[in-house]
Structures are given as structure tokens and as C-alpha cells.
Amino acid sequence: MLSGIITVILLLLFLAGCVWAWSPRRKRDFDAAARLPLSGDAQDRASGPEHEADVRQKPDPRSAATGDEP
């Protein structure tokens, strides 16, 4: 009896989640969220070479430990 009640409650929660996700009011928010990875990619490319240059200028900790200088 208890497992049947829990099953019905979970089914209703699942259906409520489906209705919420597929409602027309949420479409604009989900479309904006879907474009986020694409808009962040352009910003990453613009700042990428500067970041890579900073990484290349750092000394190698292994060479400092062994005393080898480039």
C-alpha cells in the first residue's frame, strides 16, 4: 500500500517537472541558457593568447629543483 502511494507521488512529481520544463513560459529562459556556451567561447578566444603567454613565462619548477638553467 505504501509503495503504491509513493509511486503515485513520484509519478505526479515527474509529470509536474515535465509540464514545467515544456511550458512556453520557460522557452525563452532555456533558449538563453542554451546560447551561454557559445557566447562564452568568443570571450575565451579573445583572452586566450594573453593567458597562454602568462603560462609560458612561468619558470619550470623541475628545472629549479635540479639546478638546470635554460
PDB file of N, CA and C in Angstrom:
ATOM      1  N   MET A   1       0.823  -1.192   0.000  1.00  0.00           N
ATOM      2  CA  MET A   1       0.000   0.000   0.000  1.00  0.00           C
ATOM      3  C   MET A   1       0.865   1.252   0.000  1.00  0.00           C
ATOM      4  N   LEU A   2       1.879   1.283   0.869  1.00  0.00           N
ATOM      5  CA  LEU A   2       2.753   2.443   0.972  1.00  0.00           C
ATOM      6  C   LEU A   2       3.557   2.645  -0.316  1.00  0.00           C
ATOM      7  N   SER A   3       4.020   1.545  -0.897  1.00  0.00           N
ATOM      8  CA  SER A   3       4.797   1.664  -2.141  1.00  0.00           C
ATOM      9  C   SER A   3       3.924   2.198  -3.282  1.00  0.00           C
ATOM     10  N   GLY A   4       2.661   1.887  -3.306  1.00  0.00           N
ATOM     11  CA  GLY A   4       1.754   2.421  -4.317  1.00  0.00           C
ATOM     12  C   GLY A   4       1.566   3.922  -4.164  1.00  0.00           C
ATOM     13  N   ILE A   5       1.460   4.387  -2.924  1.00  0.00           N
ATOM     14  CA  ILE A   5       1.307   5.823  -2.671  1.00  0.00           C
ATOM     15  C   ILE A   5       2.576   6.570  -3.075  1.00  0.00           C
ATOM     16  N   ILE A   6       3.713   6.013  -2.734  1.00  0.00           N
ATOM     17  CA  ILE A   6       4.977   6.639  -3.106  1.00  0.00           C
ATOM     18  C   ILE A   6       5.126   6.676  -4.627  1.00  0.00           C
ATOM     19  N   THR A   7       4.719   5.609  -5.301  1.00  0.00           N
ATOM     20  CA  THR A   7       4.787   5.566  -6.766  1.00  0.00           C
ATOM     21  C   THR A   7       3.921   6.650  -7.381  1.00  0.00           C
ATOM     22  N   VAL A   8       2.709   6.836  -6.875  1.00  0.00           N
ATOM     23  CA  VAL A   8       1.802   7.859  -7.403  1.00  0.00           C
ATOM     24  C   VAL A   8       2.381   9.249  -7.157  1.00  0.00           C
ATOM     25  N   ILE A   9       2.939   9.483  -5.973  1.00  0.00           N
ATOM     26  CA  ILE A   9       3.526  10.792  -5.668  1.00  0.00           C
ATOM     27  C   ILE A   9       4.706  11.082  -6.586  1.00  0.00           C
ATOM     28  N   LEU A  10       5.576  10.105  -6.798  1.00  0.00           N
ATOM     29  CA  LEU A  10       6.717  10.297  -7.680  1.00  0.00           C
ATOM     30  C   LEU A  10       6.286  10.503  -9.131  1.00  0.00           C
ATOM     31  N   LEU A  11       5.250   9.799  -9.555  1.00  0.00           N
ATOM     32  CA  LEU A  11       4.733   9.979 -10.903  1.00  0.00           C
ATOM     33  C   LEU A  11       4.187  11.389 -11.084  1.00  0.00           C
ATOM     34  N   LEU A  12       3.463  11.888 -10.089  1.00  0.00           N
ATOM     35  CA  LEU A  12       2.924  13.248 -10.161  1.00  0.00           C
ATOM     36  C   LEU A  12       4.045  14.287 -10.170  1.00  0.00           C
ATOM     37  N   LEU A  13       5.096  14.066  -9.376  1.00  0.00           N
ATOM     38  CA  LEU A  13       6.235  14.980  -9.393  1.00  0.00           C
ATOM     39  C   LEU A  13       6.944  14.970 -10.744  1.00  0.00           C
ATOM     40  N   PHE A  14       7.073  13.803 -11.330  1.00  0.00           N
ATOM     41  CA  PHE A  14       7.698  13.705 -12.643  1.00  0.00           C
ATOM     42  C   PHE A  14       6.871  14.442 -13.695  1.00  0.00           C
ATOM     43  N   LEU A  15       5.566  14.225 -13.679  1.00  0.00           N
ATOM     44  CA  LEU A  15       4.695  14.905 -14.644  1.00  0.00           C
ATOM     45  C   LEU A  15       4.716  16.415 -14.435  1.00  0.00           C
ATOM     46  N   ALA A  16       4.759  16.858 -13.178  1.00  0.00           N
ATOM     47  CA  ALA A  16       4.832  18.299 -12.911  1.00  0.00           C
ATOM     48  C   ALA A  16       6.149  18.871 -13.454  1.00  0.00           C
ATOM     49  N   GLY A  17       7.239  18.136 -13.308  1.00  0.00           N
ATOM     50  CA  GLY A  17       8.517  18.577 -13.858  1.00  0.00           C
ATOM     51  C   GLY A  17       8.500  18.649 -15.374  1.00  0.00           C
ATOM     52  N   CYS A  18       7.856  17.703 -16.008  1.00  0.00           N
ATOM     53  CA  CYS A  18       7.734  17.730 -17.470  1.00  0.00           C
ATOM     54  C   CYS A  18       6.912  18.926 -17.929  1.00  0.00           C
ATOM     55  N   VAL A  19       5.802  19.182 -17.254  1.00  0.00           N
ATOM     56  CA  VAL A  19       4.961  20.331 -17.611  1.00  0.00           C
ATOM     57  C   VAL A  19       5.748  21.620 -17.416  1.00  0.00           C
ATOM     58  N   TRP A  20       6.511  21.728 -16.328  1.00  0.00           N
ATOM     59  CA  TRP A  20       7.306  22.925 -16.071  1.00  0.00           C
ATOM     60  C   TRP A  20       8.371  23.116 -17.154  1.00  0.00           C
ATOM     61  N   ALA A  21       9.057  22.031 -17.518  1.00  0.00           N
ATOM     62  CA  ALA A  21      10.146  22.135 -18.488  1.00  0.00           C
ATOM     63  C   ALA A  21       9.640  22.440 -19.895  1.00  0.00           C
ATOM     64  N   TRP A  22       8.495  21.932 -20.253  1.00  0.00           N
ATOM     65  CA  TRP A  22       7.979  22.108 -21.606  1.00  0.00           C
ATOM     66  C   TRP A  22       6.987  23.253 -21.718  1.00  0.00           C
ATOM     67  N   SER A  23       6.793  24.030 -20.676  1.00  0.00           N
ATOM     68  CA  SER A  23       5.830  25.130 -20.755  1.00  0.00           C
ATOM     69  C   SER A  23       6.398  26.254 -21.623  1.00  0.00           C
ATOM     70  N   PRO A  24       5.552  26.926 -22.380  1.00  0.00           N
ATOM     71  CA  PRO A  24       6.019  28.005 -23.261  1.00  0.00           C
ATOM     72  C   PRO A  24       6.668  29.161 -22.492  1.00  0.00           C
ATOM     73  N   ARG A  25       6.301  29.358 -21.251  1.00  0.00           N
ATOM     74  CA  ARG A  25       6.899  30.452 -20.470  1.00  0.00           C
ATOM     75  C   ARG A  25       8.386  30.217 -20.224  1.00  0.00           C
ATOM     76  N   ARG A  26       8.836  28.986 -20.185  1.00  0.00           N
ATOM     77  CA  ARG A  26      10.230  28.664 -19.901  1.00  0.00           C
ATOM     78  C   ARG A  26      11.105  28.648 -21.151  1.00  0.00           C
ATOM     79  N   LYS A  27      10.494  28.688 -22.336  1.00  0.00           N
ATOM     80  CA  LYS A  27      11.246  28.571 -23.579  1.00  0.00           C
ATOM     81  C   LYS A  27      12.307  29.663 -23.698  1.00  0.00           C
ATOM     82  N   ARG A  28      11.976  30.899 -23.388  1.00  0.00           N
ATOM     83  CA  ARG A  28      12.927  32.000 -23.516  1.00  0.00           C
ATOM     84  C   ARG A  28      14.132  31.786 -22.588  1.00  0.00           C
ATOM     85  N   ASP A  29      13.880  31.351 -21.359  1.00  0.00           N
ATOM     86  CA  ASP A  29      14.971  31.111 -20.416  1.00  0.00           C
ATOM     87  C   ASP A  29      15.868  29.961 -20.868  1.00  0.00           C
ATOM     88  N   PHE A  30      15.256  28.892 -21.361  1.00  0.00           N
ATOM     89  CA  PHE A  30      16.047  27.747 -21.810  1.00  0.00           C
ATOM     90  C   PHE A  30      16.832  28.074 -23.077  1.00  0.00           C
ATOM     91  N   ASP A  31      16.246  28.878 -23.975  1.00  0.00           N
ATOM     92  CA  ASP A  31      16.980  29.295 -25.174  1.00  0.00           C
ATOM     93  C   ASP A  31      18.189  30.148 -24.799  1.00  0.00           C
ATOM     94  N   ALA A  32      18.019  31.036 -23.825  1.00  0.00           N
ATOM     95  CA  ALA A  32      19.150  31.859 -23.377  1.00  0.00           C
ATOM     96  C   ALA A  32      20.226  30.989 -22.728  1.00  0.00           C
ATOM     97  N   ALA A  33      19.826  30.011 -21.952  1.00  0.00           N
ATOM     98  CA  ALA A  33      20.793  29.115 -21.319  1.00  0.00           C
ATOM     99  C   ALA A  33      21.509  28.255 -22.356  1.00  0.00           C
ATOM    100  N   ALA A  34      20.818  27.901 -23.425  1.00  0.00           N
ATOM    101  CA  ALA A  34      21.438  27.088 -24.473  1.00  0.00           C
ATOM    102  C   ALA A  34      22.499  27.870 -25.238  1.00  0.00           C
ATOM    103  N   ARG A  35      22.381  29.192 -25.304  1.00  0.00           N
ATOM    104  CA  ARG A  35      23.361  30.017 -26.010  1.00  0.00           C
ATOM    105  C   ARG A  35      24.564  30.386 -25.143  1.00  0.00           C
ATOM    106  N   LEU A  36      24.530  30.132 -23.857  1.00  0.00           N
ATOM    107  CA  LEU A  36      25.630  30.511 -22.967  1.00  0.00           C
ATOM    108  C   LEU A  36      26.982  29.921 -23.369  1.00  0.00           C
ATOM    109  N   PRO A  37      27.081  28.648 -23.691  1.00  0.00           N
ATOM    110  CA  PRO A  37      28.398  28.125 -24.063  1.00  0.00           C
ATOM    111  C   PRO A  37      28.961  28.785 -25.317  1.00  0.00           C
ATOM    112  N   LEU A  38      28.111  29.181 -26.230  1.00  0.00           N
ATOM    113  CA  LEU A  38      28.581  29.807 -27.462  1.00  0.00           C
ATOM    114  C   LEU A  38      29.044  31.229 -27.222  1.00  0.00           C
ATOM    115  N   SER A  39      28.365  31.955 -26.353  1.00  0.00           N
ATOM    116  CA  SER A  39      28.770  33.336 -26.101  1.00  0.00           C
ATOM    117  C   SER A  39      30.036  33.383 -25.266  1.00  0.00           C
ATOM    118  N   GLY A  40      30.247  32.446 -24.375  1.00  0.00           N
ATOM    119  CA  GLY A  40      31.461  32.410 -23.576  1.00  0.00           C
ATOM    120  C   GLY A  40      32.669  31.994 -24.385  1.00  0.00           C
ATOM    121  N   ASP A  41      32.470  31.260 -25.461  1.00  0.00           N
ATOM    122  CA  ASP A  41      33.562  30.783 -26.286  1.00  0.00           C
ATOM    123  C   ASP A  41      34.284  31.939 -26.965  1.00  0.00           C
ATOM    124  N   ALA A  42      33.540  32.941 -27.428  1.00  0.00           N
ATOM    125  CA  ALA A  42      34.163  34.088 -28.081  1.00  0.00           C
ATOM    126  C   ALA A  42      35.012  34.873 -27.090  1.00  0.00           C
ATOM    127  N   GLN A  43      34.571  34.989 -25.874  1.00  0.00           N
ATOM    128  CA  GLN A  43      35.331  35.705 -24.856  1.00  0.00           C
ATOM    129  C   GLN A  43      36.591  34.927 -24.495  1.00  0.00           C
ATOM    130  N   ASP A  44      36.508  33.611 -24.444  1.00  0.00           N
ATOM    131  CA  ASP A  44      37.671  32.793 -24.110  1.00  0.00           C
ATOM    132  C   ASP A  44      38.752  32.914 -25.182  1.00  0.00           C
ATOM    133  N   ARG A  45      38.341  32.961 -26.442  1.00  0.00           N
ATOM    134  CA  ARG A  45      39.319  33.077 -27.511  1.00  0.00           C
ATOM    135  C   ARG A  45      40.003  34.432 -27.478  1.00  0.00           C
ATOM    136  N   ALA A  46      39.286  35.473 -27.089  1.00  0.00           N
ATOM    137  CA  ALA A  46      39.871  36.808 -27.042  1.00  0.00           C
ATOM    138  C   ALA A  46      40.915  36.903 -25.933  1.00  0.00           C
ATOM    139  N   SER A  47      40.695  36.245 -24.831  1.00  0.00           N
ATOM    140  CA  SER A  47      41.639  36.329 -23.721  1.00  0.00           C
ATOM    141  C   SER A  47      42.608  35.152 -23.693  1.00  0.00           C
ATOM    142  N   GLY A  48      42.489  34.228 -24.620  1.00  0.00           N
ATOM    143  CA  GLY A  48      43.300  33.023 -24.611  1.00  0.00           C
ATOM    144  C   GLY A  48      44.786  33.250 -24.798  1.00  0.00           C
ATOM    145  N   PRO A  49      45.227  33.958 -25.845  1.00  0.00           N
ATOM    146  CA  PRO A  49      46.665  34.108 -26.053  1.00  0.00           C
ATOM    147  C   PRO A  49      47.378  34.825 -24.912  1.00  0.00           C
ATOM    148  N   GLU A  50      46.719  35.803 -24.306  1.00  0.00           N
ATOM    149  CA  GLU A  50      47.345  36.501 -23.182  1.00  0.00           C
ATOM    150  C   GLU A  50      47.569  35.532 -22.026  1.00  0.00           C
ATOM    151  N   HIS A  51      46.577  34.690 -21.781  1.00  0.00           N
ATOM    152  CA  HIS A  51      46.709  33.724 -20.695  1.00  0.00           C
ATOM    153  C   HIS A  51      47.805  32.712 -21.006  1.00  0.00           C
ATOM    154  N   GLU A  52      47.884  32.283 -22.246  1.00  0.00           N
ATOM    155  CA  GLU A  52      48.912  31.320 -22.619  1.00  0.00           C
ATOM    156  C   GLU A  52      50.301  31.921 -22.466  1.00  0.00           C
ATOM    157  N   ALA A  53      50.452  33.208 -22.772  1.00  0.00           N
ATOM    158  CA  ALA A  53      51.743  33.861 -22.615  1.00  0.00           C
ATOM    159  C   ALA A  53      52.140  33.908 -21.147  1.00  0.00           C
ATOM    160  N   ASP A  54      51.184  34.154 -20.272  1.00  0.00           N
ATOM    161  CA  ASP A  54      51.480  34.165 -18.846  1.00  0.00           C
ATOM    162  C   ASP A  54      51.943  32.792 -18.379  1.00  0.00           C
ATOM    163  N   VAL A  55      51.335  31.753 -18.909  1.00  0.00           N
ATOM    164  CA  VAL A  55      51.708  30.398 -18.508  1.00  0.00           C
ATOM    165  C   VAL A  55      53.108  30.073 -19.011  1.00  0.00           C
ATOM    166  N   ARG A  56      53.464  30.506 -20.221  1.00  0.00           N
ATOM    167  CA  ARG A  56      54.780  30.201 -20.779  1.00  0.00           C
ATOM    168  C   ARG A  56      55.900  30.929 -20.050  1.00  0.00           C
ATOM    169  N   GLN A  57      55.634  32.062 -19.432  1.00  0.00           N
ATOM    170  CA  GLN A  57      56.678  32.828 -18.779  1.00  0.00           C
ATOM    171  C   GLN A  57      57.017  32.305 -17.392  1.00  0.00           C
ATOM    172  N   LYS A  58      56.194  31.465 -16.840  1.00  0.00           N
ATOM    173  CA  LYS A  58      56.472  30.930 -15.512  1.00  0.00           C
ATOM    174  C   LYS A  58      57.618  29.936 -15.588  1.00  0.00           C
ATOM    175  N   PRO A  59      58.533  29.973 -14.628  1.00  0.00           N
ATOM    176  CA  PRO A  59      59.653  29.017 -14.656  1.00  0.00           C
ATOM    177  C   PRO A  59      59.174  27.606 -14.352  1.00  0.00           C
ATOM    178  N   ASP A  60      59.880  26.674 -14.893  1.00  0.00           N
ATOM    179  CA  ASP A  60      59.568  25.277 -14.670  1.00  0.00           C
ATOM    180  C   ASP A  60      60.087  24.874 -13.291  1.00  0.00           C
ATOM    181  N   PRO A  61      59.228  24.410 -12.391  1.00  0.00           N
ATOM    182  CA  PRO A  61      59.702  24.058 -11.053  1.00  0.00           C
ATOM    183  C   PRO A  61      60.685  22.892 -11.056  1.00  0.00           C
ATOM    184  N   ARG A  62      60.640  22.057 -12.060  1.00  0.00           N
ATOM    185  CA  ARG A  62      61.575  20.930 -12.126  1.00  0.00           C
ATOM    186  C   ARG A  62      62.988  21.406 -12.397  1.00  0.00           C
ATOM    187  N   SER A  63      63.138  22.443 -13.239  1.00  0.00           N
ATOM    188  CA  SER A  63      64.480  22.925 -13.541  1.00  0.00           C
ATOM    189  C   SER A  63      65.071  23.649 -12.331  1.00  0.00           C
ATOM    190  N   ALA A  64      64.253  24.284 -11.513  1.00  0.00           N
ATOM    191  CA  ALA A  64      64.736  24.953 -10.317  1.00  0.00           C
ATOM    192  C   ALA A  64      65.204  23.927  -9.292  1.00  0.00           C
ATOM    193  N   ALA A  65      64.564  22.791  -9.245  1.00  0.00           N
ATOM    194  CA  ALA A  65      64.929  21.757  -8.281  1.00  0.00           C
ATOM    195  C   ALA A  65      66.246  21.080  -8.651  1.00  0.00           C
ATOM    196  N   THR A  66      66.509  20.943  -9.949  1.00  0.00           N
ATOM    197  CA  THR A  66      67.726  20.248 -10.366  1.00  0.00           C
ATOM    198  C   THR A  66      68.875  21.208 -10.593  1.00  0.00           C
ATOM    199  N   GLY A  67      68.602  22.500 -10.640  1.00  0.00           N
ATOM    200  CA  GLY A  67      69.647  23.483 -10.847  1.00  0.00           C
ATOM    201  C   GLY A  67      69.958  23.734 -12.304  1.00  0.00           C
ATOM    202  N   ASP A  68      69.216  23.119 -13.220  1.00  0.00           N
ATOM    203  CA  ASP A  68      69.427  23.333 -14.654  1.00  0.00           C
ATOM    204  C   ASP A  68      68.781  24.648 -15.047  1.00  0.00           C
ATOM    205  N   GLU A  69      69.542  25.513 -15.675  1.00  0.00           N
ATOM    206  CA  GLU A  69      69.013  26.779 -16.186  1.00  0.00           C
ATOM    207  C   GLU A  69      68.899  26.673 -17.705  1.00  0.00           C
ATOM    208  N   PRO A  70      67.834  27.212 -18.291  1.00  0.00           N
ATOM    209  CA  PRO A  70      67.710  27.144 -19.753  1.00  0.00           C
ATOM    210  C   PRO A  70      68.660  28.060 -20.462  1.00  0.00           C
TER     211      PRO A  70
END
